[in-house]
Amino acid sequence: MDFGDILDQWDRGAAKPNGKKAAVKQSRVDPLTAWLRINGVVDKDAEIAEAAGESNRGGQRRRLLAKKPDASLDLHGLTRDEAWLALDNFFRTGQQQGFDKLLIVHGKGNHSEGDAVLKRTVRNFIEHCAFAGESGQGSASEGGSGATWVLLK
């Protein structure tokens, strides 16, 4: 067997059907879900939605995202500990009154040395709060990067 025969045999074995790439079916996973899986973090929002069996979740989510906040809290001038207590009270009151969406105005951190203290406090609180759902940056009219909205569960 000469080298040409070896190459021909190789080409036949590695040939793709009809000269085209073989179709590989891959499911796309969004980067956040991939990160959660890799790091072994449980997505508490997904678990609760699954348990509740939300079938019309997409329509409800779009409605809540477009909705104006039911209440807002301004944290300007508070210390980290005061802000945490105010947030706890604000979220408990919002949950009791049946609010869907809250707005927290924490400022952009222009007067903080280093990172924005209140913004970081708000993010930490949202991560630890049992009835805080999806959150995001406020619109320009609500304060932009100096405000955070939160959907309540």
C-alpha atoms as a PDB file:
ATOM      1  CA  MET A   1       0.000   0.000   0.000  1.00  0.00           C
ATOM      2  CA  ASP A   2       1.497   3.319  -0.996  1.00  0.00           C
ATOM      3  CA  PHE A   3       0.970   6.712   0.550  1.00  0.00           C
ATOM      4  CA  GLY A   4      -1.649   7.737  -2.061  1.00  0.00           C
ATOM      5  CA  ASP A   5      -3.823   4.747  -1.096  1.00  0.00           C
ATOM      6  CA  ILE A   6      -3.543   5.718   2.553  1.00  0.00           C
ATOM      7  CA  LEU A   7      -4.689   9.271   1.769  1.00  0.00           C
ATOM      8  CA  ASP A   8      -7.615   7.981  -0.323  1.00  0.00           C
ATOM      9  CA  GLN A   9      -8.691   5.693   2.498  1.00  0.00           C
ATOM     10  CA  TRP A  10      -8.415   8.593   4.944  1.00  0.00           C
ATOM     11  CA  ASP A  11     -10.544  10.844   2.730  1.00  0.00           C
ATOM     12  CA  ARG A  12     -13.259   8.173   2.445  1.00  0.00           C
ATOM     13  CA  GLY A  13     -13.331   7.682   6.213  1.00  0.00           C
ATOM     14  CA  ALA A  14     -13.415  11.375   7.008  1.00  0.00           C
ATOM     15  CA  ALA A  15     -15.705  12.367   4.133  1.00  0.00           C
ATOM     16  CA  LYS A  16     -18.717  14.473   4.983  1.00  0.00           C
ATOM     17  CA  PRO A  17     -22.083  13.598   3.442  1.00  0.00           C
ATOM     18  CA  ASN A  18     -22.517  15.252   0.030  1.00  0.00           C
ATOM     19  CA  GLY A  19     -19.421  17.351   0.632  1.00  0.00           C
ATOM     20  CA  LYS A  20     -21.227  19.451   3.245  1.00  0.00           C
ATOM     21  CA  LYS A  21     -20.565  19.877   6.886  1.00  0.00           C
ATOM     22  CA  ALA A  22     -22.420  17.426   9.038  1.00  0.00           C
ATOM     23  CA  ALA A  23     -25.237  19.114  10.869  1.00  0.00           C
ATOM     24  CA  VAL A  24     -24.522  19.312  14.566  1.00  0.00           C
ATOM     25  CA  LYS A  25     -27.512  20.099  16.709  1.00  0.00           C
ATOM     26  CA  GLN A  26     -26.529  22.322  19.597  1.00  0.00           C
ATOM     27  CA  SER A  27     -28.783  24.014  22.064  1.00  0.00           C
ATOM     28  CA  ARG A  28     -27.757  27.542  22.869  1.00  0.00           C
ATOM     29  CA  VAL A  29     -27.460  28.464  26.510  1.00  0.00           C
ATOM     30  CA  ASP A  30     -27.427  32.097  27.525  1.00  0.00           C
ATOM     31  CA  PRO A  31     -24.198  33.206  29.257  1.00  0.00           C
ATOM     32  CA  LEU A  32     -25.866  33.745  32.639  1.00  0.00           C
ATOM     33  CA  THR A  33     -27.277  30.212  32.741  1.00  0.00           C
ATOM     34  CA  ALA A  34     -23.913  28.796  31.683  1.00  0.00           C
ATOM     35  CA  TRP A  35     -22.141  30.733  34.441  1.00  0.00           C
ATOM     36  CA  LEU A  36     -24.678  29.552  37.024  1.00  0.00           C
ATOM     37  CA  ARG A  37     -24.190  25.912  35.962  1.00  0.00           C
ATOM     38  CA  ILE A  38     -20.384  26.113  35.924  1.00  0.00           C
ATOM     39  CA  ASN A  39     -20.190  27.724  39.360  1.00  0.00           C
ATOM     40  CA  GLY A  40     -22.902  25.579  40.943  1.00  0.00           C
ATOM     41  CA  VAL A  41     -25.124  28.551  41.801  1.00  0.00           C
ATOM     42  CA  VAL A  42     -28.859  27.924  42.071  1.00  0.00           C
ATOM     43  CA  ASP A  43     -31.100  30.369  40.185  1.00  0.00           C
ATOM     44  CA  LYS A  44     -33.738  31.082  42.831  1.00  0.00           C
ATOM     45  CA  ASP A  45     -35.977  32.948  40.384  1.00  0.00           C
ATOM     46  CA  ALA A  46     -36.101  30.032  37.932  1.00  0.00           C
ATOM     47  CA  GLU A  47     -36.871  27.550  40.709  1.00  0.00           C
ATOM     48  CA  ILE A  48     -39.784  29.600  42.020  1.00  0.00           C
ATOM     49  CA  ALA A  49     -41.187  30.126  38.524  1.00  0.00           C
ATOM     50  CA  GLU A  50     -40.953  26.382  37.869  1.00  0.00           C
ATOM     51  CA  ALA A  51     -42.666  25.541  41.151  1.00  0.00           C
ATOM     52  CA  ALA A  52     -45.466  28.009  40.434  1.00  0.00           C
ATOM     53  CA  GLY A  53     -45.907  26.563  36.933  1.00  0.00           C
ATOM     54  CA  GLU A  54     -46.079  29.938  35.255  1.00  0.00           C
ATOM     55  CA  SER A  55     -47.290  29.271  31.732  1.00  0.00           C
ATOM     56  CA  ASN A  56     -47.871  32.853  30.634  1.00  0.00           C
ATOM     57  CA  ARG A  57     -44.649  34.088  32.145  1.00  0.00           C
ATOM     58  CA  GLY A  58     -43.455  35.967  29.058  1.00  0.00           C
ATOM     59  CA  GLY A  59     -46.536  38.167  28.749  1.00  0.00           C
ATOM     60  CA  GLN A  60     -46.645  38.886  32.463  1.00  0.00           C
ATOM     61  CA  ARG A  61     -42.929  39.713  32.502  1.00  0.00           C
ATOM     62  CA  ARG A  62     -43.248  42.183  29.614  1.00  0.00           C
ATOM     63  CA  ARG A  63     -46.178  43.861  31.359  1.00  0.00           C
ATOM     64  CA  LEU A  64     -44.244  44.218  34.612  1.00  0.00           C
ATOM     65  CA  LEU A  65     -41.123  45.542  32.892  1.00  0.00           C
ATOM     66  CA  ALA A  66     -43.147  48.243  31.122  1.00  0.00           C
ATOM     67  CA  LYS A  67     -45.057  49.178  34.272  1.00  0.00           C
ATOM     68  CA  LYS A  68     -44.144  52.242  36.309  1.00  0.00           C
ATOM     69  CA  PRO A  69     -42.939  51.438  39.834  1.00  0.00           C
ATOM     70  CA  ASP A  70     -45.630  51.207  42.503  1.00  0.00           C
ATOM     71  CA  ALA A  71     -43.399  52.910  45.078  1.00  0.00           C
ATOM     72  CA  SER A  72     -39.929  54.421  45.319  1.00  0.00           C
ATOM     73  CA  LEU A  73     -37.332  54.866  48.042  1.00  0.00           C
ATOM     74  CA  ASP A  74     -34.577  57.506  48.025  1.00  0.00           C
ATOM     75  CA  LEU A  75     -31.445  56.439  49.924  1.00  0.00           C
ATOM     76  CA  HIS A  76     -29.434  59.642  49.420  1.00  0.00           C
ATOM     77  CA  GLY A  77     -27.621  60.706  52.586  1.00  0.00           C
ATOM     78  CA  LEU A  78     -27.971  57.366  54.378  1.00  0.00           C
ATOM     79  CA  THR A  79     -25.124  55.199  55.625  1.00  0.00           C
ATOM     80  CA  ARG A  80     -24.773  51.591  54.505  1.00  0.00           C
ATOM     81  CA  ASP A  81     -26.452  50.235  57.675  1.00  0.00           C
ATOM     82  CA  GLU A  82     -29.268  52.803  57.565  1.00  0.00           C
ATOM     83  CA  ALA A  83     -29.848  52.001  53.891  1.00  0.00           C
ATOM     84  CA  TRP A  84     -30.034  48.249  54.629  1.00  0.00           C
ATOM     85  CA  LEU A  85     -32.690  48.811  57.319  1.00  0.00           C
ATOM     86  CA  ALA A  86     -34.639  51.182  55.068  1.00  0.00           C
ATOM     87  CA  LEU A  87     -34.527  48.640  52.220  1.00  0.00           C
ATOM     88  CA  ASP A  88     -35.720  45.844  54.496  1.00  0.00           C
ATOM     89  CA  ASN A  89     -38.668  47.932  55.685  1.00  0.00           C
ATOM     90  CA  PHE A  90     -39.444  49.143  52.135  1.00  0.00           C
ATOM     91  CA  PHE A  91     -39.485  45.638  50.653  1.00  0.00           C
ATOM     92  CA  ARG A  92     -41.561  44.173  53.499  1.00  0.00           C
ATOM     93  CA  THR A  93     -44.112  46.991  53.170  1.00  0.00           C
ATOM     94  CA  GLY A  94     -44.209  46.579  49.384  1.00  0.00           C
ATOM     95  CA  GLN A  95     -44.742  42.831  49.714  1.00  0.00           C
ATOM     96  CA  GLN A  96     -47.536  43.309  52.286  1.00  0.00           C
ATOM     97  CA  GLN A  97     -49.309  45.879  50.116  1.00  0.00           C
ATOM     98  CA  GLY A  98     -49.123  43.654  47.026  1.00  0.00           C
ATOM     99  CA  PHE A  99     -46.833  45.871  44.955  1.00  0.00           C
ATOM    100  CA  ASP A 100     -45.329  44.413  41.777  1.00  0.00           C
ATOM    101  CA  LYS A 101     -42.466  46.806  41.091  1.00  0.00           C
ATOM    102  CA  LEU A 102     -40.318  48.990  43.339  1.00  0.00           C
ATOM    103  CA  LEU A 103     -37.772  51.695  42.542  1.00  0.00           C
ATOM    104  CA  ILE A 104     -34.734  52.407  44.713  1.00  0.00           C
ATOM    105  CA  VAL A 105     -32.858  55.681  44.113  1.00  0.00           C
ATOM    106  CA  HIS A 106     -29.338  55.187  45.448  1.00  0.00           C
ATOM    107  CA  GLY A 107     -27.350  57.715  43.449  1.00  0.00           C
ATOM    108  CA  LYS A 108     -24.411  57.214  41.140  1.00  0.00           C
ATOM    109  CA  GLY A 109     -21.765  57.337  43.841  1.00  0.00           C
ATOM    110  CA  ASN A 110     -20.255  60.693  42.903  1.00  0.00           C
ATOM    111  CA  HIS A 111     -19.645  61.498  46.567  1.00  0.00           C
ATOM    112  CA  SER A 112     -18.265  58.085  47.521  1.00  0.00           C
ATOM    113  CA  GLU A 113     -14.587  57.283  47.642  1.00  0.00           C
ATOM    114  CA  GLY A 114     -14.049  54.361  45.277  1.00  0.00           C
ATOM    115  CA  ASP A 115     -17.136  52.330  44.377  1.00  0.00           C
ATOM    116  CA  ALA A 116     -20.655  53.619  44.927  1.00  0.00           C
ATOM    117  CA  VAL A 117     -21.443  52.400  48.466  1.00  0.00           C
ATOM    118  CA  LEU A 118     -25.232  52.607  48.302  1.00  0.00           C
ATOM    119  CA  LYS A 119     -25.442  51.029  44.851  1.00  0.00           C
ATOM    120  CA  ARG A 120     -23.382  48.064  46.047  1.00  0.00           C
ATOM    121  CA  THR A 121     -25.543  47.828  49.194  1.00  0.00           C
ATOM    122  CA  VAL A 122     -28.718  47.747  47.084  1.00  0.00           C
ATOM    123  CA  ARG A 123     -27.296  44.973  44.858  1.00  0.00           C
ATOM    124  CA  ASN A 124     -26.311  42.905  47.914  1.00  0.00           C
ATOM    125  CA  PHE A 125     -29.720  43.412  49.515  1.00  0.00           C
ATOM    126  CA  ILE A 126     -31.537  42.305  46.351  1.00  0.00           C
ATOM    127  CA  GLU A 127     -29.417  39.137  46.178  1.00  0.00           C
ATOM    128  CA  HIS A 128     -30.258  38.230  49.779  1.00  0.00           C
ATOM    129  CA  CYS A 129     -33.932  39.259  49.807  1.00  0.00           C
ATOM    130  CA  ALA A 130     -36.290  36.290  49.470  1.00  0.00           C
ATOM    131  CA  PHE A 131     -39.046  38.174  47.652  1.00  0.00           C
ATOM    132  CA  ALA A 132     -36.883  40.306  45.348  1.00  0.00           C
ATOM    133  CA  GLY A 133     -37.092  39.068  41.782  1.00  0.00           C
ATOM    134  CA  GLU A 134     -35.643  40.472  38.586  1.00  0.00           C
ATOM    135  CA  SER A 135     -33.988  43.887  38.780  1.00  0.00           C
ATOM    136  CA  GLY A 136     -32.389  46.410  36.487  1.00  0.00           C
ATOM    137  CA  GLN A 137     -31.187  49.949  35.993  1.00  0.00           C
ATOM    138  CA  GLY A 138     -33.812  52.667  36.113  1.00  0.00           C
ATOM    139  CA  SER A 139     -34.821  54.624  33.026  1.00  0.00           C
ATOM    140  CA  ALA A 140     -33.335  58.068  32.422  1.00  0.00           C
ATOM    141  CA  SER A 141     -36.430  59.746  33.890  1.00  0.00           C
ATOM    142  CA  GLU A 142     -36.146  57.572  37.017  1.00  0.00           C
ATOM    143  CA  GLY A 143     -32.470  58.300  37.630  1.00  0.00           C
ATOM    144  CA  GLY A 144     -30.602  56.126  35.137  1.00  0.00           C
ATOM    145  CA  SER A 145     -27.629  54.347  36.684  1.00  0.00           C
ATOM    146  CA  GLY A 146     -28.428  56.037  39.996  1.00  0.00           C
ATOM    147  CA  ALA A 147     -31.628  54.008  40.403  1.00  0.00           C
ATOM    148  CA  THR A 148     -32.563  50.322  40.419  1.00  0.00           C
ATOM    149  CA  TRP A 149     -35.999  48.801  39.829  1.00  0.00           C
ATOM    150  CA  VAL A 150     -37.010  45.462  41.334  1.00  0.00           C
ATOM    151  CA  LEU A 151     -39.895  43.129  40.557  1.00  0.00           C
ATOM    152  CA  LEU A 152     -41.392  41.532  43.652  1.00  0.00           C
ATOM    153  CA  LYS A 153     -42.318  37.857  43.747  1.00  0.00           C
END
